[in-house]
Amino acid sequence: MRFVQPVVLLLGAAMDILVFAVYELSVFEQFDPLWFFVIAGAWNLLMLIATIITIVDSARKIHARKTRQLATDAMVVKLASIPFFLLNFAVLAAVFIGGLAILAFGVGIALWVAVAIGSGLTYLTMLSTSVYAWAAIAQLRRERIIGRGLTVLYTLLSLVPVTDIAAAVLLFGHYRRRPRLALVVVLLSAGLLTIALGVGGLFGLFGYAPFQFPSDGGLDPAGFLSISLIILGTAMILVTGIVAVVRRSALRLEAQRAATAVDASTESTTSDLVPAG
């Protein structure tokens, strides 16, 4: 049952790809728009069933104290949801922009209503993927692996898009008793994503023209934002790497000092037990 939600999410990603394919092939005239609503409705029904199954499975695993499976399932579901939410965001953004383009014809408002409904359903879908995360939070709290503050923090993070994925990774790190490593992974991933957004902006992947160095020395807002994102992402990676190396060196030095102290104590105890001359 643990793979029900990931499979449904991947089907949702395939549905979004179908929408883009129909748009790119310019064959809208050959498709009755009703079919899109039927397909979307069927998928949402599947997601509802998958969510109910996930809730039942989570409750069963909490009762059986299966902390490892809950923490693993939380991360797997969140990672599997990334393609769907990225593609779904792209579809909603395209529909919204299309509403702007045909606003003069009176159809744009109807498209915006569709975007609002789609956004609401997307958020509910995101919350449904946090069921395993909430169960893992409850179990880790019960086992006193995380404190009250982290319990509240991770619960709040699981309610917000993007940060919910970070929360799932951090929960898995806490279960493995390696929260710092999980935090480093999250920060490095965030830095890489920020750089990717900046590079995508420079090449015009988000709807505006590719960046070009202007002859008058000015800088358009889109280009400035893209370069800022690249700088910010690079800084995040560098700072995270430096802090991780320094922290690891400090821990290693502390371990060496502790080992030296233990050796000295052992030698002192041995010398006390050996009778003189």
C-alpha atoms as a PDB file:
ATOM      1  CA  MET A   1       0.000   0.000   0.000  1.00  0.00           C
ATOM      2  CA  ARG A   2       2.980   2.280   0.460  1.00  0.00           C
ATOM      3  CA  PHE A   3       3.371   2.760  -3.300  1.00  0.00           C
ATOM      4  CA  VAL A   4      -0.258   3.650  -4.045  1.00  0.00           C
ATOM      5  CA  GLN A   5       0.227   7.410  -3.764  1.00  0.00           C
ATOM      6  CA  PRO A   6       3.508   7.501  -5.742  1.00  0.00           C
ATOM      7  CA  VAL A   7       1.889   5.572  -8.601  1.00  0.00           C
ATOM      8  CA  VAL A   8      -1.124   7.904  -8.690  1.00  0.00           C
ATOM      9  CA  LEU A   9       1.183  10.940  -8.599  1.00  0.00           C
ATOM     10  CA  LEU A  10       3.183   9.597 -11.539  1.00  0.00           C
ATOM     11  CA  LEU A  11      -0.099   9.083 -13.412  1.00  0.00           C
ATOM     12  CA  GLY A  12      -0.884  12.727 -12.685  1.00  0.00           C
ATOM     13  CA  ALA A  13       2.465  13.753 -14.134  1.00  0.00           C
ATOM     14  CA  ALA A  14       1.663  11.722 -17.258  1.00  0.00           C
ATOM     15  CA  MET A  15      -1.698  13.517 -17.470  1.00  0.00           C
ATOM     16  CA  ASP A  16       0.057  16.899 -17.407  1.00  0.00           C
ATOM     17  CA  ILE A  17       2.472  15.745 -20.108  1.00  0.00           C
ATOM     18  CA  LEU A  18      -0.544  14.769 -22.219  1.00  0.00           C
ATOM     19  CA  VAL A  19      -1.940  18.281 -21.844  1.00  0.00           C
ATOM     20  CA  PHE A  20       1.349  19.792 -23.024  1.00  0.00           C
ATOM     21  CA  ALA A  21       1.552  17.334 -25.923  1.00  0.00           C
ATOM     22  CA  VAL A  22      -1.938  18.232 -27.120  1.00  0.00           C
ATOM     23  CA  TYR A  23      -1.073  21.915 -26.874  1.00  0.00           C
ATOM     24  CA  GLU A  24       2.261  21.597 -28.688  1.00  0.00           C
ATOM     25  CA  LEU A  25       0.762  19.486 -31.473  1.00  0.00           C
ATOM     26  CA  SER A  26      -1.975  22.088 -31.945  1.00  0.00           C
ATOM     27  CA  VAL A  27      -4.674  19.447 -32.133  1.00  0.00           C
ATOM     28  CA  PHE A  28      -7.109  21.000 -29.689  1.00  0.00           C
ATOM     29  CA  GLU A  29      -9.744  20.961 -32.406  1.00  0.00           C
ATOM     30  CA  GLN A  30      -9.627  17.160 -32.469  1.00  0.00           C
ATOM     31  CA  PHE A  31     -10.296  16.834 -28.727  1.00  0.00           C
ATOM     32  CA  ASP A  32     -13.543  17.492 -26.941  1.00  0.00           C
ATOM     33  CA  PRO A  33     -12.656  19.668 -23.884  1.00  0.00           C
ATOM     34  CA  LEU A  34     -15.024  17.506 -21.886  1.00  0.00           C
ATOM     35  CA  TRP A  35     -12.465  14.708 -22.029  1.00  0.00           C
ATOM     36  CA  PHE A  36      -9.954  16.815 -20.120  1.00  0.00           C
ATOM     37  CA  PHE A  37     -12.464  17.337 -17.318  1.00  0.00           C
ATOM     38  CA  VAL A  38     -13.308  13.627 -17.295  1.00  0.00           C
ATOM     39  CA  ILE A  39      -9.632  12.633 -17.094  1.00  0.00           C
ATOM     40  CA  ALA A  40      -8.899  15.225 -14.397  1.00  0.00           C
ATOM     41  CA  GLY A  41     -11.965  14.146 -12.416  1.00  0.00           C
ATOM     42  CA  ALA A  42     -11.000  10.471 -12.642  1.00  0.00           C
ATOM     43  CA  TRP A  43      -7.483  11.247 -11.469  1.00  0.00           C
ATOM     44  CA  ASN A  44      -8.725  13.281  -8.499  1.00  0.00           C
ATOM     45  CA  LEU A  45     -10.993  10.373  -7.544  1.00  0.00           C
ATOM     46  CA  LEU A  46      -7.991   8.031  -7.693  1.00  0.00           C
ATOM     47  CA  MET A  47      -6.018  10.451  -5.525  1.00  0.00           C
ATOM     48  CA  LEU A  48      -8.838  10.537  -2.962  1.00  0.00           C
ATOM     49  CA  ILE A  49      -8.891   6.738  -2.793  1.00  0.00           C
ATOM     50  CA  ALA A  50      -5.089   6.658  -2.509  1.00  0.00           C
ATOM     51  CA  THR A  51      -5.229   9.188   0.331  1.00  0.00           C
ATOM     52  CA  ILE A  52      -7.756   7.100   2.266  1.00  0.00           C
ATOM     53  CA  ILE A  53      -5.553   4.031   1.811  1.00  0.00           C
ATOM     54  CA  THR A  54      -2.533   6.051   3.008  1.00  0.00           C
ATOM     55  CA  ILE A  55      -4.354   7.244   6.130  1.00  0.00           C
ATOM     56  CA  VAL A  56      -5.320   3.665   7.024  1.00  0.00           C
ATOM     57  CA  ASP A  57      -1.784   2.423   6.348  1.00  0.00           C
ATOM     58  CA  SER A  58      -0.256   5.233   8.447  1.00  0.00           C
ATOM     59  CA  ALA A  59      -2.536   4.496  11.402  1.00  0.00           C
ATOM     60  CA  ARG A  60      -1.649   0.808  11.188  1.00  0.00           C
ATOM     61  CA  LYS A  61       2.084   1.530  11.142  1.00  0.00           C
ATOM     62  CA  ILE A  62       1.812   3.933  14.086  1.00  0.00           C
ATOM     63  CA  HIS A  63       0.020   1.244  16.061  1.00  0.00           C
ATOM     64  CA  ALA A  64       2.751  -1.262  15.106  1.00  0.00           C
ATOM     65  CA  ARG A  65       5.499   1.297  15.925  1.00  0.00           C
ATOM     66  CA  LYS A  66       7.052   0.975  12.449  1.00  0.00           C
ATOM     67  CA  THR A  67       9.065   4.173  12.628  1.00  0.00           C
ATOM     68  CA  ARG A  68      11.493   3.198   9.891  1.00  0.00           C
ATOM     69  CA  GLN A  69       8.738   2.517   7.358  1.00  0.00           C
ATOM     70  CA  LEU A  70       6.883   5.730   8.218  1.00  0.00           C
ATOM     71  CA  ALA A  71       9.997   7.887   7.823  1.00  0.00           C
ATOM     72  CA  THR A  72      10.932   6.117   4.584  1.00  0.00           C
ATOM     73  CA  ASP A  73       7.418   6.309   3.146  1.00  0.00           C
ATOM     74  CA  ALA A  74       7.205  10.024   3.958  1.00  0.00           C
ATOM     75  CA  MET A  75      10.357  10.749   1.958  1.00  0.00           C
ATOM     76  CA  VAL A  76       9.469   8.410  -0.933  1.00  0.00           C
ATOM     77  CA  VAL A  77       6.013   9.937  -1.416  1.00  0.00           C
ATOM     78  CA  LYS A  78       7.376  13.498  -1.338  1.00  0.00           C
ATOM     79  CA  LEU A  79      10.146  12.734  -3.826  1.00  0.00           C
ATOM     80  CA  ALA A  80       7.676  10.962  -6.124  1.00  0.00           C
ATOM     81  CA  SER A  81       5.419  14.023  -6.019  1.00  0.00           C
ATOM     82  CA  ILE A  82       8.052  16.400  -7.430  1.00  0.00           C
ATOM     83  CA  PRO A  83       7.426  15.673 -11.159  1.00  0.00           C
ATOM     84  CA  PHE A  84       3.666  16.016 -10.742  1.00  0.00           C
ATOM     85  CA  PHE A  85       3.780  19.330  -8.905  1.00  0.00           C
ATOM     86  CA  LEU A  86       6.350  20.822 -11.281  1.00  0.00           C
ATOM     87  CA  LEU A  87       4.317  19.874 -14.345  1.00  0.00           C
ATOM     88  CA  ASN A  88       1.045  20.848 -12.700  1.00  0.00           C
ATOM     89  CA  PHE A  89       2.458  24.266 -11.833  1.00  0.00           C
ATOM     90  CA  ALA A  90       3.555  24.691 -15.449  1.00  0.00           C
ATOM     91  CA  VAL A  91       0.062  23.766 -16.708  1.00  0.00           C
ATOM     92  CA  LEU A  92      -1.672  26.172 -14.315  1.00  0.00           C
ATOM     93  CA  ALA A  93       0.775  28.946 -15.221  1.00  0.00           C
ATOM     94  CA  ALA A  94       0.155  28.363 -18.942  1.00  0.00           C
ATOM     95  CA  VAL A  95      -3.621  28.496 -18.437  1.00  0.00           C
ATOM     96  CA  PHE A  96      -3.309  31.678 -16.379  1.00  0.00           C
ATOM     97  CA  ILE A  97      -1.161  33.342 -19.050  1.00  0.00           C
ATOM     98  CA  GLY A  98      -3.653  32.163 -21.661  1.00  0.00           C
ATOM     99  CA  GLY A  99      -6.375  33.899 -19.661  1.00  0.00           C
ATOM    100  CA  LEU A 100      -4.385  37.112 -19.849  1.00  0.00           C
ATOM    101  CA  ALA A 101      -3.970  36.730 -23.592  1.00  0.00           C
ATOM    102  CA  ILE A 102      -7.687  36.316 -24.331  1.00  0.00           C
ATOM    103  CA  LEU A 103      -9.079  38.530 -21.590  1.00  0.00           C
ATOM    104  CA  ALA A 104     -10.436  40.877 -24.243  1.00  0.00           C
ATOM    105  CA  PHE A 105     -12.670  38.111 -25.562  1.00  0.00           C
ATOM    106  CA  GLY A 106     -14.318  37.523 -22.186  1.00  0.00           C
ATOM    107  CA  VAL A 107     -12.993  33.973 -21.776  1.00  0.00           C
ATOM    108  CA  GLY A 108     -10.009  34.848 -19.610  1.00  0.00           C
ATOM    109  CA  ILE A 109     -12.016  35.086 -16.386  1.00  0.00           C
ATOM    110  CA  ALA A 110     -13.360  31.561 -16.916  1.00  0.00           C
ATOM    111  CA  LEU A 111      -9.783  30.316 -17.309  1.00  0.00           C
ATOM    112  CA  TRP A 112      -8.777  32.130 -14.123  1.00  0.00           C
ATOM    113  CA  VAL A 113     -11.615  30.421 -12.261  1.00  0.00           C
ATOM    114  CA  ALA A 114     -10.299  27.101 -13.582  1.00  0.00           C
ATOM    115  CA  VAL A 115      -6.803  28.033 -12.374  1.00  0.00           C
ATOM    116  CA  ALA A 116      -8.152  28.924  -8.916  1.00  0.00           C
ATOM    117  CA  ILE A 117      -9.990  25.600  -8.657  1.00  0.00           C
ATOM    118  CA  GLY A 118      -6.945  23.732  -9.956  1.00  0.00           C
ATOM    119  CA  SER A 119      -4.679  25.502  -7.479  1.00  0.00           C
ATOM    120  CA  GLY A 120      -6.968  24.578  -4.596  1.00  0.00           C
ATOM    121  CA  LEU A 121      -7.069  20.933  -5.665  1.00  0.00           C
ATOM    122  CA  THR A 122      -3.282  20.946  -6.087  1.00  0.00           C
ATOM    123  CA  TYR A 123      -2.814  22.231  -2.540  1.00  0.00           C
ATOM    124  CA  LEU A 124      -5.156  19.552  -1.198  1.00  0.00           C
ATOM    125  CA  THR A 125      -3.120  16.988  -3.108  1.00  0.00           C
ATOM    126  CA  MET A 126       0.048  18.340  -1.507  1.00  0.00           C
ATOM    127  CA  LEU A 127      -1.541  17.985   1.938  1.00  0.00           C
ATOM    128  CA  SER A 128      -2.508  14.397   1.131  1.00  0.00           C
ATOM    129  CA  THR A 129       1.145  13.583   0.435  1.00  0.00           C
ATOM    130  CA  SER A 130       1.988  14.753   3.976  1.00  0.00           C
ATOM    131  CA  VAL A 131      -0.017  12.006   5.691  1.00  0.00           C
ATOM    132  CA  TYR A 132       3.013   9.742   6.106  1.00  0.00           C
ATOM    133  CA  ALA A 133       5.057  12.757   7.255  1.00  0.00           C
ATOM    134  CA  TRP A 134       2.515  13.592   9.979  1.00  0.00           C
ATOM    135  CA  ALA A 135       2.485   9.969  11.093  1.00  0.00           C
ATOM    136  CA  ALA A 136       6.298   9.928  11.173  1.00  0.00           C
ATOM    137  CA  ILE A 137       6.330  13.151  13.205  1.00  0.00           C
ATOM    138  CA  ALA A 138       3.933  11.656  15.731  1.00  0.00           C
ATOM    139  CA  GLN A 139       5.972   8.446  16.031  1.00  0.00           C
ATOM    140  CA  LEU A 140       9.330  10.226  16.310  1.00  0.00           C
ATOM    141  CA  ARG A 141       7.864  12.469  18.993  1.00  0.00           C
ATOM    142  CA  ARG A 142       6.489   9.449  20.848  1.00  0.00           C
ATOM    143  CA  GLU A 143       9.948   7.874  20.812  1.00  0.00           C
ATOM    144  CA  ARG A 144      11.493  11.195  21.951  1.00  0.00           C
ATOM    145  CA  ILE A 145      13.742  11.338  18.909  1.00  0.00           C
ATOM    146  CA  ILE A 146      12.552  14.888  18.206  1.00  0.00           C
ATOM    147  CA  GLY A 147      11.453  17.508  20.715  1.00  0.00           C
ATOM    148  CA  ARG A 148       8.372  19.649  20.896  1.00  0.00           C
ATOM    149  CA  GLY A 149       9.936  22.504  18.944  1.00  0.00           C
ATOM    150  CA  LEU A 150      10.931  20.290  16.002  1.00  0.00           C
ATOM    151  CA  THR A 151       7.526  18.627  16.109  1.00  0.00           C
ATOM    152  CA  VAL A 152       5.817  21.982  15.605  1.00  0.00           C
ATOM    153  CA  LEU A 153       8.384  23.105  13.007  1.00  0.00           C
ATOM    154  CA  TYR A 154       8.115  19.987  10.853  1.00  0.00           C
ATOM    155  CA  THR A 155       4.330  20.036  11.079  1.00  0.00           C
ATOM    156  CA  LEU A 156       4.268  23.622   9.810  1.00  0.00           C
ATOM    157  CA  LEU A 157       6.793  22.879   7.071  1.00  0.00           C
ATOM    158  CA  SER A 158       4.655  19.972   5.866  1.00  0.00           C
ATOM    159  CA  LEU A 159       1.790  22.394   5.262  1.00  0.00           C
ATOM    160  CA  VAL A 160       3.763  24.563   2.815  1.00  0.00           C
ATOM    161  CA  PRO A 161       4.680  23.548  -0.751  1.00  0.00           C
ATOM    162  CA  VAL A 162       8.398  22.910  -1.347  1.00  0.00           C
ATOM    163  CA  THR A 163       9.263  23.032   2.370  1.00  0.00           C
ATOM    164  CA  ASP A 164       7.171  19.886   2.821  1.00  0.00           C
ATOM    165  CA  ILE A 165       9.775  17.972   0.799  1.00  0.00           C
ATOM    166  CA  ALA A 166      12.560  19.345   2.990  1.00  0.00           C
ATOM    167  CA  ALA A 167      10.624  18.306   6.109  1.00  0.00           C
ATOM    168  CA  ALA A 168      10.295  14.729   4.818  1.00  0.00           C
ATOM    169  CA  VAL A 169      14.040  14.488   4.138  1.00  0.00           C
ATOM    170  CA  LEU A 170      14.855  15.903   7.578  1.00  0.00           C
ATOM    171  CA  LEU A 171      12.464  13.459   9.254  1.00  0.00           C
ATOM    172  CA  PHE A 172      14.248  10.579   7.544  1.00  0.00           C
ATOM    173  CA  GLY A 173      17.551  12.009   8.735  1.00  0.00           C
ATOM    174  CA  HIS A 174      16.279  12.166  12.325  1.00  0.00           C
ATOM    175  CA  TYR A 175      15.188   8.541  12.188  1.00  0.00           C
ATOM    176  CA  ARG A 176      18.665   7.547  10.965  1.00  0.00           C
ATOM    177  CA  ARG A 177      20.156   9.660  13.765  1.00  0.00           C
ATOM    178  CA  ARG A 178      21.860  11.858  11.149  1.00  0.00           C
ATOM    179  CA  PRO A 179      19.864  15.094  11.152  1.00  0.00           C
ATOM    180  CA  ARG A 180      22.864  17.268  10.252  1.00  0.00           C
ATOM    181  CA  LEU A 181      23.587  15.236   7.135  1.00  0.00           C
ATOM    182  CA  ALA A 182      19.946  15.499   6.112  1.00  0.00           C
ATOM    183  CA  LEU A 183      20.052  19.273   6.629  1.00  0.00           C
ATOM    184  CA  VAL A 184      23.167  19.530   4.462  1.00  0.00           C
ATOM    185  CA  VAL A 185      21.421  17.561   1.702  1.00  0.00           C
ATOM    186  CA  VAL A 186      18.385  19.856   1.890  1.00  0.00           C
ATOM    187  CA  LEU A 187      20.483  23.025   1.745  1.00  0.00           C
ATOM    188  CA  LEU A 188      22.621  21.775  -1.130  1.00  0.00           C
ATOM    189  CA  SER A 189      19.500  20.738  -3.045  1.00  0.00           C
ATOM    190  CA  ALA A 190      17.959  24.153  -2.435  1.00  0.00           C
ATOM    191  CA  GLY A 191      21.120  25.813  -3.736  1.00  0.00           C
ATOM    192  CA  LEU A 192      21.154  23.680  -6.876  1.00  0.00           C
ATOM    193  CA  LEU A 193      17.460  24.367  -7.484  1.00  0.00           C
ATOM    194  CA  THR A 194      18.026  28.111  -7.097  1.00  0.00           C
ATOM    195  CA  ILE A 195      20.883  27.996  -9.606  1.00  0.00           C
ATOM    196  CA  ALA A 196      18.726  25.972 -12.014  1.00  0.00           C
ATOM    197  CA  LEU A 197      15.958  28.572 -11.808  1.00  0.00           C
ATOM    198  CA  GLY A 198      18.459  31.326 -12.506  1.00  0.00           C
ATOM    199  CA  VAL A 199      19.990  29.526 -15.482  1.00  0.00           C
ATOM    200  CA  GLY A 200      16.524  28.711 -16.819  1.00  0.00           C
ATOM    201  CA  GLY A 201      15.630  32.382 -16.600  1.00  0.00           C
ATOM    202  CA  LEU A 202      18.742  33.389 -18.532  1.00  0.00           C
ATOM    203  CA  PHE A 203      17.804  31.028 -21.373  1.00  0.00           C
ATOM    204  CA  GLY A 204      14.228  32.208 -21.446  1.00  0.00           C
ATOM    205  CA  LEU A 205      12.607  29.022 -20.165  1.00  0.00           C
ATOM    206  CA  PHE A 206       9.940  30.865 -18.174  1.00  0.00           C
ATOM    207  CA  GLY A 207       8.176  32.789 -20.883  1.00  0.00           C
ATOM    208  CA  TYR A 208      10.392  35.818 -21.444  1.00  0.00           C
ATOM    209  CA  ALA A 209      13.194  36.376 -23.934  1.00  0.00           C
ATOM    210  CA  PRO A 210      16.635  34.863 -23.317  1.00  0.00           C
ATOM    211  CA  PHE A 211      19.025  37.172 -21.529  1.00  0.00           C
ATOM    212  CA  GLN A 212      21.391  39.255 -23.632  1.00  0.00           C
ATOM    213  CA  PHE A 213      23.992  41.716 -22.439  1.00  0.00           C
ATOM    214  CA  PRO A 214      22.549  45.105 -23.422  1.00  0.00           C
ATOM    215  CA  SER A 215      24.697  47.520 -25.361  1.00  0.00           C
ATOM    216  CA  ASP A 216      23.678  50.460 -23.198  1.00  0.00           C
ATOM    217  CA  GLY A 217      24.975  48.819 -20.037  1.00  0.00           C
ATOM    218  CA  GLY A 218      21.515  48.450 -18.484  1.00  0.00           C
ATOM    219  CA  LEU A 219      20.008  45.252 -17.187  1.00  0.00           C
ATOM    220  CA  ASP A 220      16.428  44.133 -17.653  1.00  0.00           C
ATOM    221  CA  PRO A 221      14.562  43.007 -14.478  1.00  0.00           C
ATOM    222  CA  ALA A 222      14.291  39.392 -15.657  1.00  0.00           C
ATOM    223  CA  GLY A 223      18.016  39.174 -16.297  1.00  0.00           C
ATOM    224  CA  PHE A 224      18.821  40.810 -12.967  1.00  0.00           C
ATOM    225  CA  LEU A 225      16.576  38.330 -11.133  1.00  0.00           C
ATOM    226  CA  SER A 226      18.130  35.364 -12.939  1.00  0.00           C
ATOM    227  CA  ILE A 227      21.693  36.443 -12.144  1.00  0.00           C
ATOM    228  CA  SER A 228      20.707  37.126  -8.529  1.00  0.00           C
ATOM    229  CA  LEU A 229      19.292  33.607  -8.232  1.00  0.00           C
ATOM    230  CA  ILE A 230      22.510  32.101  -9.583  1.00  0.00           C
ATOM    231  CA  ILE A 231      24.596  34.117  -7.114  1.00  0.00           C
ATOM    232  CA  LEU A 232      22.284  33.216  -4.229  1.00  0.00           C
ATOM    233  CA  GLY A 233      22.327  29.512  -5.060  1.00  0.00           C
ATOM    234  CA  THR A 234      26.105  29.468  -5.400  1.00  0.00           C
ATOM    235  CA  ALA A 235      26.460  31.256  -2.046  1.00  0.00           C
ATOM    236  CA  MET A 236      24.128  28.718  -0.384  1.00  0.00           C
ATOM    237  CA  ILE A 237      26.220  25.816  -1.673  1.00  0.00           C
ATOM    238  CA  LEU A 238      29.525  27.406  -0.665  1.00  0.00           C
ATOM    239  CA  VAL A 239      28.358  28.376   2.829  1.00  0.00           C
ATOM    240  CA  THR A 240      26.808  24.956   3.419  1.00  0.00           C
ATOM    241  CA  GLY A 241      29.971  23.213   2.256  1.00  0.00           C
ATOM    242  CA  ILE A 242      32.244  25.365   4.399  1.00  0.00           C
ATOM    243  CA  VAL A 243      30.087  24.971   7.517  1.00  0.00           C
ATOM    244  CA  ALA A 244      29.815  21.210   6.968  1.00  0.00           C
ATOM    245  CA  VAL A 245      33.599  20.829   6.599  1.00  0.00           C
ATOM    246  CA  VAL A 246      34.332  23.018   9.632  1.00  0.00           C
ATOM    247  CA  ARG A 247      31.724  21.190  11.709  1.00  0.00           C
ATOM    248  CA  ARG A 248      33.076  17.813  10.700  1.00  0.00           C
ATOM    249  CA  SER A 249      36.621  18.871  11.513  1.00  0.00           C
ATOM    250  CA  ALA A 250      35.486  20.122  14.918  1.00  0.00           C
ATOM    251  CA  LEU A 251      33.694  16.857  15.639  1.00  0.00           C
ATOM    252  CA  ARG A 252      36.723  14.851  14.564  1.00  0.00           C
ATOM    253  CA  LEU A 253      38.993  16.939  16.795  1.00  0.00           C
ATOM    254  CA  GLU A 254      36.578  16.503  19.709  1.00  0.00           C
ATOM    255  CA  ALA A 255      36.546  12.738  19.145  1.00  0.00           C
ATOM    256  CA  GLN A 256      40.336  12.629  19.092  1.00  0.00           C
ATOM    257  CA  ARG A 257      40.515  14.574  22.347  1.00  0.00           C
ATOM    258  CA  ALA A 258      37.986  12.257  23.944  1.00  0.00           C
ATOM    259  CA  ALA A 259      39.959   9.209  22.786  1.00  0.00           C
ATOM    260  CA  THR A 260      43.187  10.716  24.161  1.00  0.00           C
ATOM    261  CA  ALA A 261      41.507  11.405  27.502  1.00  0.00           C
ATOM    262  CA  VAL A 262      40.214   7.818  27.663  1.00  0.00           C
ATOM    263  CA  ASP A 263      43.691   6.431  26.874  1.00  0.00           C
ATOM    264  CA  ALA A 264      45.269   8.619  29.557  1.00  0.00           C
ATOM    265  CA  SER A 265      42.685   7.533  32.101  1.00  0.00           C
ATOM    266  CA  THR A 266      43.256   3.866  31.231  1.00  0.00           C
ATOM    267  CA  GLU A 267      47.015   4.207  31.602  1.00  0.00           C
ATOM    268  CA  SER A 268      46.605   5.944  34.959  1.00  0.00           C
ATOM    269  CA  THR A 269      44.279   3.234  36.219  1.00  0.00           C
ATOM    270  CA  THR A 270      46.657   0.502  35.059  1.00  0.00           C
ATOM    271  CA  SER A 271      49.653   2.120  36.765  1.00  0.00           C
ATOM    272  CA  ASP A 272      47.687   2.373  40.014  1.00  0.00           C
ATOM    273  CA  LEU A 273      46.844  -1.322  39.909  1.00  0.00           C
ATOM    274  CA  VAL A 274      50.448  -2.443  39.311  1.00  0.00           C
ATOM    275  CA  PRO A 275      52.357  -2.734  42.647  1.00  0.00           C
ATOM    276  CA  ALA A 276      55.602  -0.791  42.964  1.00  0.00           C
ATOM    277  CA  GLY A 277      59.043  -2.617  42.822  1.00  0.00           C
END
